[in-house]
Amino acid sequence: MKRDVGQRQRPPPPPPHPHPWPKINGFHTQGAMDEMLRYMREDKIWNVTEKLDGCNLSISTEGWIASRNCIIGERGMETLKFQGVSIEKDRLETLFENACRLKEHFKQNLFENADFELTLYGELILNGTGNSTNDVYNYRKRNVNPGDYYCIGIGLILPENAELPSVFSKSIDTSNKEGKQYLIVPINTYLAMEFTDFDIKHVNIIETEKLSVILDDVTLVHNIQDKELEGYILSEVSSKGMIKLKPIGSIPDNIKHIEKIVQFNKLLTISS
């Protein structure tokens, strides 16, 4: 029998994530120092949450599941297998159900029954650091296990004329495309209470303070230095900013960047 000649066709690539969680710069990220210096000078109120050692995962009320960059599954699938972790159908359905219940609650109480799409953004705990023999961040002791999903915020796609309630008036990313409003809201005290009411596991708010007070908190610094946890995510309460607070890795051989780190450290010393 004669074989077909030609290249094997590759499967089409998965659809891209329509609204990925924003990239978060750290205090020493190259190219972001001006932004960090501005935050330091403004010294506004920020929320602090733990940065979990996991993988970004999104759950949409439109019935899809996405990784950081692309859609990887849909509601009704038997098992989601991703990065060495499996989430069974019943657990997936619970995540979708809770997301839809939260959406209906917002629809009735905040948006006067206007239709919209809600996305849960969270961290999926993977097999790795937290599940290794060393268990660097004491995940087992804290009952944080591979396959657990911790919500870190929400996304909303709203009609163009929908009025934003005060609890969502401050967001990280707001845009208006094709007659729709889109915004991302990192976890705050209001969302934390709603997540609890609707059985959505989430990161806890550790502290809410001025940025200078947060950066002067010895406990936070020691937790990072001693590898009690991977780091922290800071989200500004009254505006549109998020910061990643982690140990400083290798600094690129870039004189201008090093000069800005020195400038940042001088400002940090003055503020504290």
Protein backbone atom coordinates (compact mmCIF):
# COMPACT_ATOMS: atom_id res chain seq x y z
CA MET A 1 0.00 0.00 0.00
CA LYS A 2 1.36 3.36 -1.00
CA ARG A 3 1.74 5.82 1.86
CA ASP A 4 0.58 9.41 1.61
CA VAL A 5 3.41 11.78 0.96
CA GLY A 6 3.62 15.05 2.82
CA GLN A 7 4.03 16.57 6.23
CA ARG A 8 1.83 15.61 9.13
CA GLN A 9 -0.60 18.39 9.90
CA ARG A 10 -0.14 20.03 13.24
CA PRO A 11 -3.18 20.69 15.42
CA PRO A 12 -4.26 24.32 15.47
CA PRO A 13 -2.90 26.39 18.38
CA PRO A 14 -5.26 26.99 21.30
CA PRO A 15 -7.16 30.30 21.29
CA PRO A 16 -5.36 33.10 23.12
CA HIS A 17 -6.58 34.32 26.50
CA PRO A 18 -8.84 37.29 25.61
CA HIS A 19 -7.98 39.25 28.77
CA PRO A 20 -4.91 37.89 30.61
CA TRP A 21 -4.09 38.96 34.14
CA PRO A 22 -1.78 42.00 33.94
CA LYS A 23 1.96 41.51 34.19
CA ILE A 24 3.14 42.76 37.59
CA ASN A 25 6.45 44.54 37.92
CA GLY A 26 8.64 44.21 40.98
CA PHE A 27 10.45 46.96 42.84
CA HIS A 28 13.64 46.18 40.95
CA THR A 29 12.23 45.23 37.55
CA GLN A 30 14.33 46.72 34.79
CA GLY A 31 12.39 49.49 33.05
CA ALA A 32 9.91 49.90 35.90
CA MET A 33 11.93 51.93 38.39
CA ASP A 34 10.31 55.27 37.50
CA GLU A 35 6.92 53.74 38.24
CA MET A 36 8.14 52.36 41.58
CA LEU A 37 9.67 55.71 42.57
CA ARG A 38 6.36 57.42 41.83
CA TYR A 39 4.51 54.94 44.03
CA MET A 40 7.00 55.61 46.82
CA ARG A 41 6.60 59.38 46.59
CA GLU A 42 2.77 59.19 46.47
CA ASP A 43 2.75 56.78 49.45
CA LYS A 44 -0.90 55.72 49.11
CA ILE A 45 -2.80 52.88 50.81
CA TRP A 46 -2.12 49.36 49.48
CA ASN A 47 -3.41 45.85 50.17
CA VAL A 48 -0.86 43.09 50.76
CA THR A 49 -1.48 39.44 49.85
CA GLU A 50 0.80 36.43 49.64
CA LYS A 51 2.28 35.58 46.25
CA LEU A 52 1.63 31.87 45.86
CA ASP A 53 3.99 29.54 44.01
CA GLY A 54 1.55 28.39 41.35
CA CYS A 55 0.28 28.94 37.83
CA ASN A 56 -2.22 31.59 36.72
CA LEU A 57 -5.62 30.08 35.88
CA SER A 58 -8.85 31.82 34.80
CA ILE A 59 -12.45 30.60 35.06
CA SER A 60 -15.00 32.44 32.90
CA THR A 61 -18.77 32.42 33.28
CA GLU A 62 -18.79 32.04 29.48
CA GLY A 63 -17.64 28.45 30.05
CA TRP A 64 -13.92 28.48 29.32
CA ILE A 65 -10.75 27.90 31.35
CA ALA A 66 -7.48 29.62 30.50
CA SER A 67 -3.87 29.55 31.52
CA ARG A 68 -1.84 32.74 31.63
CA ASN A 69 -1.84 33.03 27.82
CA CYS A 70 -4.38 30.71 26.21
CA ILE A 71 -7.66 28.86 26.64
CA ILE A 72 -7.00 25.27 27.79
CA GLY A 73 -10.44 23.83 28.56
CA GLU A 74 -14.17 24.28 28.80
CA ARG A 75 -17.03 23.63 31.15
CA GLY A 76 -18.21 20.01 31.06
CA MET A 77 -14.82 18.45 30.24
CA GLU A 78 -14.01 15.29 32.18
CA THR A 79 -10.65 16.28 33.67
CA LEU A 80 -8.39 19.29 33.27
CA LYS A 81 -4.76 18.16 33.15
CA PHE A 82 -2.35 21.06 33.26
CA GLN A 83 1.28 21.41 34.34
CA GLY A 84 1.24 17.99 35.98
CA VAL A 85 -1.92 18.67 38.02
CA SER A 86 -5.39 17.22 37.42
CA ILE A 87 -8.71 18.84 38.34
CA GLU A 88 -11.61 16.40 38.12
CA LYS A 89 -14.95 17.23 36.48
CA ASP A 90 -16.88 17.70 39.73
CA ARG A 91 -14.35 20.19 41.09
CA LEU A 92 -14.31 22.07 37.79
CA GLU A 93 -18.09 22.24 37.82
CA THR A 94 -18.03 23.62 41.37
CA LEU A 95 -15.66 26.39 40.28
CA PHE A 96 -17.95 27.30 37.38
CA GLU A 97 -21.06 27.13 39.55
CA ASN A 98 -19.54 29.42 42.19
CA ALA A 99 -18.39 31.89 39.54
CA CYS A 100 -21.90 31.98 38.03
CA ARG A 101 -23.52 32.39 41.45
CA LEU A 102 -21.22 35.31 42.19
CA LYS A 103 -22.07 36.85 38.82
CA GLU A 104 -25.82 36.57 39.49
CA HIS A 105 -25.32 38.19 42.89
CA PHE A 106 -23.50 41.13 41.29
CA LYS A 107 -26.07 41.30 38.50
CA GLN A 108 -28.99 41.64 40.88
CA ASN A 109 -27.38 43.84 43.50
CA LEU A 110 -24.85 46.00 41.64
CA PHE A 111 -25.68 46.19 37.93
CA GLU A 112 -29.49 46.43 37.79
CA ASN A 113 -29.72 43.11 35.91
CA ALA A 114 -27.40 44.20 33.09
CA ASP A 115 -25.81 41.17 31.45
CA PHE A 116 -22.03 40.79 31.61
CA GLU A 117 -19.20 38.27 31.75
CA LEU A 118 -17.26 37.55 34.93
CA THR A 119 -13.84 35.93 35.10
CA LEU A 120 -12.19 34.53 38.21
CA TYR A 121 -8.42 34.95 38.21
CA GLY A 122 -6.40 32.75 40.52
CA GLU A 123 -3.36 30.61 41.22
CA LEU A 124 -3.41 26.85 40.67
CA ILE A 125 -0.97 25.17 43.05
CA LEU A 126 1.35 22.83 41.14
CA ASN A 127 3.51 19.85 41.98
CA GLY A 128 6.85 21.43 42.74
CA THR A 129 8.35 23.59 45.42
CA GLY A 130 5.40 23.34 47.77
CA ASN A 131 5.05 19.60 47.24
CA SER A 132 8.74 18.69 47.23
CA THR A 133 10.70 17.03 50.01
CA ASN A 134 11.99 20.40 51.15
CA ASP A 135 8.54 22.08 51.06
CA VAL A 136 10.28 25.46 51.01
CA TYR A 137 7.21 27.57 51.78
CA ASN A 138 5.63 25.19 54.33
CA TYR A 139 2.62 24.52 52.09
CA ARG A 140 1.87 21.11 53.58
CA LYS A 141 1.89 22.55 57.08
CA ARG A 142 -0.51 25.27 55.90
CA ASN A 143 -2.72 22.75 54.03
CA VAL A 144 -1.93 24.24 50.62
CA ASN A 145 -1.92 21.31 48.21
CA PRO A 146 -1.32 20.65 44.48
CA GLY A 147 -4.56 21.21 42.58
CA ASP A 148 -5.86 23.84 45.01
CA TYR A 149 -7.12 27.03 43.38
CA TYR A 150 -6.85 30.41 45.12
CA CYS A 151 -8.64 33.39 43.61
CA ILE A 152 -6.67 36.66 43.40
CA GLY A 153 -9.22 38.91 41.67
CA ILE A 154 -11.94 39.18 39.04
CA GLY A 155 -12.47 40.53 35.54
CA LEU A 156 -15.70 42.08 34.28
CA ILE A 157 -16.85 42.67 30.69
CA LEU A 158 -19.77 45.08 30.90
CA PRO A 159 -22.09 46.92 28.51
CA GLU A 160 -20.69 50.28 27.45
CA ASN A 161 -23.37 52.20 29.33
CA ALA A 162 -23.22 50.16 32.54
CA GLU A 163 -22.51 52.33 35.57
CA LEU A 164 -19.75 51.05 37.79
CA PRO A 165 -20.64 50.65 41.46
CA SER A 166 -18.28 52.26 43.94
CA VAL A 167 -16.79 48.90 44.94
CA PHE A 168 -15.50 48.48 41.36
CA SER A 169 -14.83 52.11 40.45
CA LYS A 170 -11.11 51.67 41.08
CA SER A 171 -9.58 48.95 38.95
CA ILE A 172 -6.20 47.90 37.63
CA ASP A 173 -7.06 47.90 33.95
CA THR A 174 -10.05 49.62 32.36
CA SER A 175 -10.63 49.77 28.62
CA ASN A 176 -13.50 50.25 26.21
CA LYS A 177 -13.51 48.09 23.09
CA GLU A 178 -16.31 47.19 20.69
CA GLY A 179 -18.93 48.80 22.88
CA LYS A 180 -17.84 46.95 26.03
CA GLN A 181 -16.16 48.04 29.24
CA TYR A 182 -13.48 45.75 30.60
CA LEU A 183 -11.89 45.98 34.02
CA ILE A 184 -9.78 43.88 36.32
CA VAL A 185 -10.21 44.16 40.09
CA PRO A 186 -7.57 42.59 42.36
CA ILE A 187 -8.77 41.18 45.63
CA ASN A 188 -9.87 43.78 48.18
CA THR A 189 -11.82 43.62 51.44
CA TYR A 190 -15.15 43.65 49.59
CA LEU A 191 -14.20 40.85 47.19
CA ALA A 192 -12.70 38.81 50.01
CA MET A 193 -16.04 38.84 51.83
CA GLU A 194 -17.94 37.94 48.65
CA PHE A 195 -15.53 35.10 47.85
CA THR A 196 -16.06 33.72 51.34
CA ASP A 197 -19.86 33.94 51.02
CA PHE A 198 -19.77 32.06 47.71
CA ASP A 199 -17.27 29.38 48.78
CA ILE A 200 -14.50 30.66 46.51
CA LYS A 201 -11.11 29.94 48.04
CA HIS A 202 -8.90 33.04 47.86
CA VAL A 203 -5.68 34.63 49.06
CA ASN A 204 -6.03 36.54 52.32
CA ILE A 205 -5.35 40.24 52.76
CA ILE A 206 -2.44 40.35 55.18
CA GLU A 207 -2.16 44.09 55.63
CA THR A 208 -3.73 47.35 54.41
CA GLU A 209 -1.43 50.30 55.00
CA LYS A 210 0.52 53.14 53.43
CA LEU A 211 3.25 51.88 51.12
CA SER A 212 5.99 53.28 53.38
CA VAL A 213 4.57 51.39 56.37
CA ILE A 214 4.34 48.15 54.37
CA LEU A 215 7.93 48.39 53.18
CA ASP A 216 9.07 49.13 56.73
CA ASP A 217 7.31 46.03 58.09
CA VAL A 218 10.13 43.86 59.45
CA THR A 219 7.96 40.74 59.50
CA LEU A 220 7.25 40.94 55.75
CA VAL A 221 10.93 41.45 54.98
CA HIS A 222 12.02 38.54 57.19
CA ASN A 223 9.38 36.22 55.69
CA ILE A 224 10.90 36.84 52.25
CA GLN A 225 14.51 36.65 53.37
CA ASP A 226 13.90 33.46 55.34
CA LYS A 227 11.86 31.93 52.47
CA GLU A 228 8.79 31.54 54.63
CA LEU A 229 6.87 32.34 51.44
CA GLU A 230 7.67 33.24 47.84
CA GLY A 231 6.79 36.92 48.15
CA TYR A 232 3.90 39.37 48.24
CA ILE A 233 1.56 41.12 45.82
CA LEU A 234 0.68 44.72 46.64
CA SER A 235 -2.40 46.33 45.08
CA GLU A 236 -3.17 50.02 45.48
CA VAL A 237 -6.56 50.60 47.10
CA SER A 238 -7.43 53.95 45.49
CA SER A 239 -5.88 53.76 42.03
CA LYS A 240 -4.48 51.45 39.36
CA GLY A 241 -1.29 49.78 40.48
CA MET A 242 0.09 46.38 41.49
CA ILE A 243 3.60 45.58 42.69
CA LYS A 244 5.40 42.28 43.16
CA LEU A 245 7.59 42.14 46.27
CA LYS A 246 10.13 39.32 46.02
CA PRO A 247 13.82 38.78 46.80
CA ILE A 248 16.11 40.62 44.40
CA GLY A 249 17.47 38.22 41.79
CA SER A 250 20.39 38.87 39.50
CA ILE A 251 20.61 42.49 38.37
CA PRO A 252 21.36 42.99 34.65
CA ASP A 253 24.60 44.66 33.71
CA ASN A 254 22.87 47.94 32.96
CA ILE A 255 24.35 51.08 34.52
CA LYS A 256 21.17 53.18 34.24
CA HIS A 257 19.13 50.44 35.89
CA ILE A 258 21.64 50.12 38.74
CA GLU A 259 21.60 53.88 39.23
CA LYS A 260 17.81 53.80 39.59
CA ILE A 261 18.02 50.99 42.13
CA VAL A 262 20.41 53.16 44.14
CA GLN A 263 17.97 56.07 43.84
CA PHE A 264 15.11 53.84 44.94
CA ASN A 265 17.05 52.56 47.94
CA LYS A 266 17.93 56.11 49.02
CA LEU A 267 14.24 57.07 48.87
CA LEU A 268 13.32 53.94 50.82
CA THR A 269 15.88 54.83 53.50
CA ILE A 270 14.55 58.39 53.78
CA SER A 271 10.93 57.25 54.04
CA SER A 272 11.67 54.78 56.82
